[in-house]
Amino acid sequence: MPKKILIPLYGREVAPRFDLAAEAVIVQVDETSRDRREKLVVLPQVSAEKLCHMILTEAIDTLVCGGIEEEYYQYLTWKRITVYDDVIGQWENALNRLLRGELQSGDIITASPEVNTDA
């Protein structure tokens, strides 16, 4: 079953605050995590409610974000979305860690690019 991941962005970094993200990347991966499709979404306005709505309408399985208010965290986990919060670093590195099963909430990912060994 394919998996869909949403990461709110601030440039090339995971957005430091969920409620202030103006853009996000949605990554769809297959069961092996080798086939990826990325879609950049620019939000018409910053809004945690609209971001939550997009997460549900896009059938997102996993959210990787920086700071997120408790009410949105509780709502999304109640809706069975896996949430990795307090993640700091480049979104590509966070995604690679997630796909390798190494990402945890609170991770600070160094600025050095990680090597993708799947290629």
N, C-alpha and C. Protein backbone atom coordinates (compact mmCIF):
# COMPACT_ATOMS: atom_id res chain seq x y z
N MET A 1 0.84 -1.18 0.00
CA MET A 1 0.00 0.00 0.00
C MET A 1 0.89 1.24 0.00
N PRO A 2 0.67 2.16 -0.93
CA PRO A 2 1.47 3.39 -0.98
C PRO A 2 1.29 4.22 0.29
N LYS A 3 2.29 5.00 0.60
CA LYS A 3 2.29 5.85 1.78
C LYS A 3 2.43 7.30 1.33
N LYS A 4 1.68 8.20 1.98
CA LYS A 4 1.78 9.63 1.66
C LYS A 4 2.27 10.39 2.89
N ILE A 5 3.28 11.22 2.65
CA ILE A 5 3.94 11.97 3.71
C ILE A 5 3.83 13.45 3.38
N LEU A 6 3.48 14.26 4.38
CA LEU A 6 3.45 15.70 4.19
C LEU A 6 4.47 16.34 5.12
N ILE A 7 5.26 17.28 4.55
CA ILE A 7 6.24 18.03 5.33
C ILE A 7 6.03 19.51 5.05
N PRO A 8 5.59 20.30 6.04
CA PRO A 8 5.50 21.75 5.87
C PRO A 8 6.92 22.31 5.71
N LEU A 9 7.07 23.29 4.81
CA LEU A 9 8.40 23.78 4.46
C LEU A 9 8.61 25.24 4.80
N TYR A 10 9.88 25.55 5.05
CA TYR A 10 10.39 26.92 5.12
C TYR A 10 11.67 26.89 4.31
N GLY A 11 11.56 27.20 3.02
CA GLY A 11 12.70 27.02 2.12
C GLY A 11 12.96 25.53 1.93
N ARG A 12 14.19 25.10 2.22
CA ARG A 12 14.56 23.69 2.11
C ARG A 12 14.50 22.99 3.46
N GLU A 13 14.04 23.70 4.47
CA GLU A 13 13.99 23.17 5.84
C GLU A 13 12.56 22.75 6.20
N VAL A 14 12.47 21.87 7.19
CA VAL A 14 11.17 21.58 7.80
C VAL A 14 10.73 22.88 8.47
N ALA A 15 9.51 23.32 8.20
CA ALA A 15 9.03 24.58 8.78
C ALA A 15 9.10 24.53 10.31
N PRO A 16 9.64 25.58 10.93
CA PRO A 16 9.75 25.57 12.39
C PRO A 16 8.40 25.58 13.11
N ARG A 17 7.36 26.10 12.44
CA ARG A 17 6.02 26.12 13.05
C ARG A 17 4.99 25.63 12.04
N PHE A 18 4.24 24.64 12.44
CA PHE A 18 3.19 24.05 11.60
C PHE A 18 2.18 25.10 11.15
N ASP A 19 1.77 25.97 12.07
CA ASP A 19 0.70 26.93 11.78
C ASP A 19 1.14 28.11 10.92
N LEU A 20 2.44 28.26 10.65
CA LEU A 20 2.92 29.38 9.84
C LEU A 20 3.52 28.93 8.51
N ALA A 21 3.34 27.67 8.13
CA ALA A 21 3.91 27.16 6.88
C ALA A 21 3.10 27.66 5.69
N ALA A 22 3.77 28.23 4.71
CA ALA A 22 3.11 28.72 3.51
C ALA A 22 3.21 27.73 2.36
N GLU A 23 4.05 26.71 2.52
CA GLU A 23 4.15 25.68 1.50
C GLU A 23 4.48 24.35 2.15
N ALA A 24 4.25 23.30 1.41
CA ALA A 24 4.49 21.95 1.92
C ALA A 24 4.84 21.05 0.75
N VAL A 25 5.50 19.95 1.07
CA VAL A 25 5.77 18.93 0.06
C VAL A 25 5.00 17.68 0.47
N ILE A 26 4.37 17.08 -0.53
CA ILE A 26 3.69 15.80 -0.33
C ILE A 26 4.48 14.77 -1.11
N VAL A 27 4.91 13.73 -0.42
CA VAL A 27 5.71 12.67 -1.04
C VAL A 27 4.91 11.38 -0.96
N GLN A 28 4.73 10.76 -2.10
CA GLN A 28 4.08 9.45 -2.14
C GLN A 28 5.14 8.42 -2.47
N VAL A 29 5.22 7.37 -1.65
CA VAL A 29 6.20 6.31 -1.85
C VAL A 29 5.48 4.97 -1.95
N ASP A 30 6.11 4.04 -2.65
CA ASP A 30 5.54 2.69 -2.73
C ASP A 30 5.99 1.88 -1.52
N GLU A 31 5.64 0.62 -1.50
CA GLU A 31 5.94 -0.25 -0.36
C GLU A 31 7.44 -0.38 -0.09
N THR A 32 8.23 -0.33 -1.15
CA THR A 32 9.68 -0.49 -1.00
C THR A 32 10.39 0.83 -0.72
N SER A 33 9.68 1.93 -0.80
CA SER A 33 10.21 3.30 -0.63
C SER A 33 11.21 3.67 -1.72
N ARG A 34 11.23 2.93 -2.80
CA ARG A 34 12.16 3.25 -3.90
C ARG A 34 11.52 4.19 -4.93
N ASP A 35 10.23 4.02 -5.17
CA ASP A 35 9.54 4.87 -6.14
C ASP A 35 8.88 6.02 -5.39
N ARG A 36 9.34 7.24 -5.67
CA ARG A 36 8.82 8.43 -4.98
C ARG A 36 8.22 9.40 -5.99
N ARG A 37 7.13 10.01 -5.56
CA ARG A 37 6.57 11.13 -6.32
C ARG A 37 6.42 12.29 -5.35
N GLU A 38 6.98 13.43 -5.72
CA GLU A 38 6.92 14.62 -4.87
C GLU A 38 6.04 15.67 -5.52
N LYS A 39 5.26 16.34 -4.66
CA LYS A 39 4.40 17.43 -5.14
C LYS A 39 4.56 18.59 -4.17
N LEU A 40 4.95 19.75 -4.69
CA LEU A 40 5.06 20.95 -3.88
C LEU A 40 3.73 21.68 -3.92
N VAL A 41 3.23 22.03 -2.72
CA VAL A 41 1.94 22.72 -2.60
C VAL A 41 2.18 24.07 -1.96
N VAL A 42 1.74 25.12 -2.62
CA VAL A 42 1.81 26.47 -2.06
C VAL A 42 0.42 26.81 -1.55
N LEU A 43 0.36 27.15 -0.28
CA LEU A 43 -0.93 27.44 0.36
C LEU A 43 -1.33 28.88 0.10
N PRO A 44 -2.61 29.15 -0.16
CA PRO A 44 -3.05 30.52 -0.43
C PRO A 44 -2.89 31.44 0.77
N GLN A 45 -2.95 30.87 1.96
CA GLN A 45 -2.70 31.64 3.18
C GLN A 45 -2.26 30.66 4.26
N VAL A 46 -1.51 31.16 5.23
CA VAL A 46 -1.06 30.29 6.31
C VAL A 46 -2.21 30.05 7.27
N SER A 47 -2.44 28.78 7.57
CA SER A 47 -3.54 28.41 8.45
C SER A 47 -3.36 26.96 8.87
N ALA A 48 -3.30 26.72 10.16
CA ALA A 48 -3.19 25.36 10.66
C ALA A 48 -4.45 24.56 10.32
N GLU A 49 -5.61 25.21 10.35
CA GLU A 49 -6.85 24.52 10.04
C GLU A 49 -6.87 24.06 8.59
N LYS A 50 -6.42 24.92 7.68
CA LYS A 50 -6.42 24.56 6.26
C LYS A 50 -5.37 23.47 5.98
N LEU A 51 -4.27 23.53 6.70
CA LEU A 51 -3.25 22.50 6.55
C LEU A 51 -3.78 21.15 7.05
N CYS A 52 -4.48 21.16 8.16
CA CYS A 52 -5.11 19.93 8.67
C CYS A 52 -6.13 19.39 7.67
N HIS A 53 -6.92 20.29 7.10
CA HIS A 53 -7.92 19.88 6.10
C HIS A 53 -7.24 19.24 4.89
N MET A 54 -6.14 19.85 4.43
CA MET A 54 -5.42 19.30 3.29
C MET A 54 -4.84 17.92 3.63
N ILE A 55 -4.34 17.76 4.84
CA ILE A 55 -3.79 16.47 5.28
C ILE A 55 -4.87 15.38 5.17
N LEU A 56 -6.08 15.71 5.58
CA LEU A 56 -7.16 14.72 5.53
C LEU A 56 -7.66 14.49 4.11
N THR A 57 -7.83 15.55 3.32
CA THR A 57 -8.36 15.38 1.96
C THR A 57 -7.34 14.72 1.04
N GLU A 58 -6.06 14.89 1.30
CA GLU A 58 -5.02 14.25 0.48
C GLU A 58 -4.70 12.84 0.97
N ALA A 59 -5.37 12.38 2.02
CA ALA A 59 -5.15 11.03 2.59
C ALA A 59 -3.69 10.83 3.00
N ILE A 60 -3.17 11.82 3.73
CA ILE A 60 -1.79 11.75 4.23
C ILE A 60 -1.74 10.75 5.37
N ASP A 61 -0.69 9.93 5.38
CA ASP A 61 -0.47 8.94 6.44
C ASP A 61 0.43 9.48 7.54
N THR A 62 1.42 10.29 7.12
CA THR A 62 2.48 10.72 8.04
C THR A 62 2.76 12.20 7.86
N LEU A 63 2.91 12.90 8.99
CA LEU A 63 3.28 14.31 9.00
C LEU A 63 4.62 14.44 9.70
N VAL A 64 5.55 15.14 9.05
CA VAL A 64 6.83 15.48 9.66
C VAL A 64 6.83 17.00 9.78
N CYS A 65 6.97 17.52 11.01
CA CYS A 65 6.87 18.97 11.19
C CYS A 65 7.77 19.44 12.32
N GLY A 66 7.89 20.75 12.42
CA GLY A 66 8.59 21.36 13.54
C GLY A 66 7.62 21.47 14.70
N GLY A 67 7.48 22.66 15.25
CA GLY A 67 6.56 22.85 16.36
C GLY A 67 5.11 22.79 15.90
N ILE A 68 4.27 22.14 16.68
CA ILE A 68 2.84 22.03 16.37
C ILE A 68 2.08 22.19 17.68
N GLU A 69 1.02 22.96 17.64
CA GLU A 69 0.21 23.16 18.84
C GLU A 69 -0.45 21.85 19.24
N GLU A 70 -0.62 21.68 20.54
CA GLU A 70 -1.15 20.44 21.11
C GLU A 70 -2.51 20.06 20.52
N GLU A 71 -3.39 21.04 20.29
CA GLU A 71 -4.72 20.70 19.78
C GLU A 71 -4.66 20.11 18.38
N TYR A 72 -3.76 20.61 17.53
CA TYR A 72 -3.63 20.06 16.18
C TYR A 72 -2.95 18.69 16.23
N TYR A 73 -1.96 18.55 17.10
CA TYR A 73 -1.30 17.26 17.28
C TYR A 73 -2.31 16.21 17.71
N GLN A 74 -3.13 16.53 18.72
CA GLN A 74 -4.13 15.60 19.22
C GLN A 74 -5.17 15.26 18.14
N TYR A 75 -5.59 16.27 17.41
CA TYR A 75 -6.59 16.06 16.35
C TYR A 75 -6.05 15.12 15.28
N LEU A 76 -4.83 15.39 14.81
CA LEU A 76 -4.27 14.57 13.73
C LEU A 76 -3.99 13.14 14.19
N THR A 77 -3.50 12.97 15.39
CA THR A 77 -3.26 11.61 15.88
C THR A 77 -4.58 10.88 16.11
N TRP A 78 -5.61 11.62 16.52
CA TRP A 78 -6.94 11.03 16.66
C TRP A 78 -7.45 10.54 15.30
N LYS A 79 -7.09 11.26 14.24
CA LYS A 79 -7.47 10.87 12.88
C LYS A 79 -6.52 9.81 12.31
N ARG A 80 -5.67 9.28 13.16
CA ARG A 80 -4.72 8.20 12.81
C ARG A 80 -3.62 8.63 11.85
N ILE A 81 -3.21 9.88 11.95
CA ILE A 81 -2.06 10.38 11.21
C ILE A 81 -0.86 10.21 12.13
N THR A 82 0.20 9.61 11.62
CA THR A 82 1.43 9.49 12.39
C THR A 82 2.14 10.84 12.33
N VAL A 83 2.46 11.41 13.49
CA VAL A 83 3.07 12.75 13.55
C VAL A 83 4.46 12.66 14.17
N TYR A 84 5.45 13.13 13.43
CA TYR A 84 6.81 13.32 13.94
C TYR A 84 6.97 14.82 14.10
N ASP A 85 6.98 15.30 15.35
CA ASP A 85 7.06 16.74 15.58
C ASP A 85 8.42 17.12 16.18
N ASP A 86 8.65 18.41 16.25
CA ASP A 86 9.90 18.98 16.76
C ASP A 86 11.11 18.52 15.94
N VAL A 87 10.91 18.32 14.64
CA VAL A 87 12.00 17.92 13.75
C VAL A 87 12.60 19.19 13.15
N ILE A 88 13.93 19.28 13.21
CA ILE A 88 14.65 20.44 12.70
C ILE A 88 15.66 19.95 11.68
N GLY A 89 15.70 20.59 10.50
CA GLY A 89 16.69 20.25 9.49
C GLY A 89 16.11 20.30 8.09
N GLN A 90 16.94 19.92 7.11
CA GLN A 90 16.49 19.91 5.73
C GLN A 90 15.45 18.81 5.53
N TRP A 91 14.42 19.14 4.78
CA TRP A 91 13.30 18.21 4.63
C TRP A 91 13.72 16.93 3.93
N GLU A 92 14.65 17.02 2.95
CA GLU A 92 15.07 15.81 2.23
C GLU A 92 15.75 14.83 3.19
N ASN A 93 16.58 15.36 4.08
CA ASN A 93 17.27 14.50 5.05
C ASN A 93 16.28 13.88 6.03
N ALA A 94 15.28 14.67 6.45
CA ALA A 94 14.25 14.13 7.34
C ALA A 94 13.47 13.02 6.64
N LEU A 95 13.15 13.24 5.37
CA LEU A 95 12.43 12.22 4.60
C LEU A 95 13.26 10.95 4.47
N ASN A 96 14.54 11.08 4.16
CA ASN A 96 15.39 9.91 4.03
C ASN A 96 15.46 9.13 5.35
N ARG A 97 15.58 9.85 6.46
CA ARG A 97 15.59 9.17 7.77
C ARG A 97 14.27 8.46 8.03
N LEU A 98 13.17 9.12 7.68
CA LEU A 98 11.85 8.50 7.87
C LEU A 98 11.74 7.21 7.07
N LEU A 99 12.16 7.25 5.82
CA LEU A 99 12.03 6.08 4.96
C LEU A 99 12.95 4.94 5.39
N ARG A 100 14.03 5.28 6.07
CA ARG A 100 14.92 4.23 6.61
C ARG A 100 14.46 3.76 7.98
N GLY A 101 13.41 4.38 8.51
CA GLY A 101 12.90 3.99 9.83
C GLY A 101 13.72 4.54 10.97
N GLU A 102 14.47 5.62 10.74
CA GLU A 102 15.36 6.19 11.74
C GLU A 102 14.89 7.52 12.30
N LEU A 103 13.81 8.09 11.79
CA LEU A 103 13.36 9.40 12.26
C LEU A 103 12.58 9.26 13.56
N GLN A 104 12.83 10.20 14.47
CA GLN A 104 12.09 10.27 15.73
C GLN A 104 11.68 11.71 15.97
N SER A 105 10.59 11.89 16.70
CA SER A 105 10.20 13.24 17.10
C SER A 105 11.34 13.85 17.90
N GLY A 106 11.60 15.12 17.66
CA GLY A 106 12.67 15.82 18.37
C GLY A 106 14.02 15.74 17.70
N ASP A 107 14.12 15.07 16.56
CA ASP A 107 15.41 14.96 15.87
C ASP A 107 15.89 16.30 15.34
N ILE A 108 17.17 16.56 15.56
CA ILE A 108 17.85 17.70 14.95
C ILE A 108 18.79 17.11 13.92
N ILE A 109 18.51 17.42 12.66
CA ILE A 109 19.25 16.81 11.56
C ILE A 109 20.31 17.79 11.09
N THR A 110 21.54 17.33 11.05
CA THR A 110 22.65 18.19 10.67
C THR A 110 22.49 18.73 9.26
N ALA A 111 23.19 19.81 8.97
CA ALA A 111 23.08 20.47 7.68
C ALA A 111 23.75 19.70 6.56
N SER A 112 24.65 18.78 6.88
CA SER A 112 25.33 18.04 5.82
C SER A 112 24.35 17.12 5.12
N PRO A 113 24.40 17.08 3.79
CA PRO A 113 23.44 16.24 3.06
C PRO A 113 23.70 14.77 3.33
N GLU A 114 22.61 14.03 3.47
CA GLU A 114 22.73 12.58 3.67
C GLU A 114 22.75 11.91 2.31
N VAL A 115 23.48 10.85 2.21
CA VAL A 115 23.61 10.12 0.96
C VAL A 115 22.43 9.17 0.81
N ASN A 116 21.79 9.21 -0.34
CA ASN A 116 20.69 8.30 -0.63
C ASN A 116 21.30 7.06 -1.26
N THR A 117 21.31 5.96 -0.54
CA THR A 117 21.94 4.73 -1.02
C THR A 117 21.01 3.90 -1.88
N ASP A 118 19.78 4.37 -2.09
CA ASP A 118 18.82 3.62 -2.91
C ASP A 118 19.05 3.82 -4.40
N ALA A 119 19.78 4.83 -4.77
CA ALA A 119 19.94 5.16 -6.19
C ALA A 119 20.91 4.22 -6.88
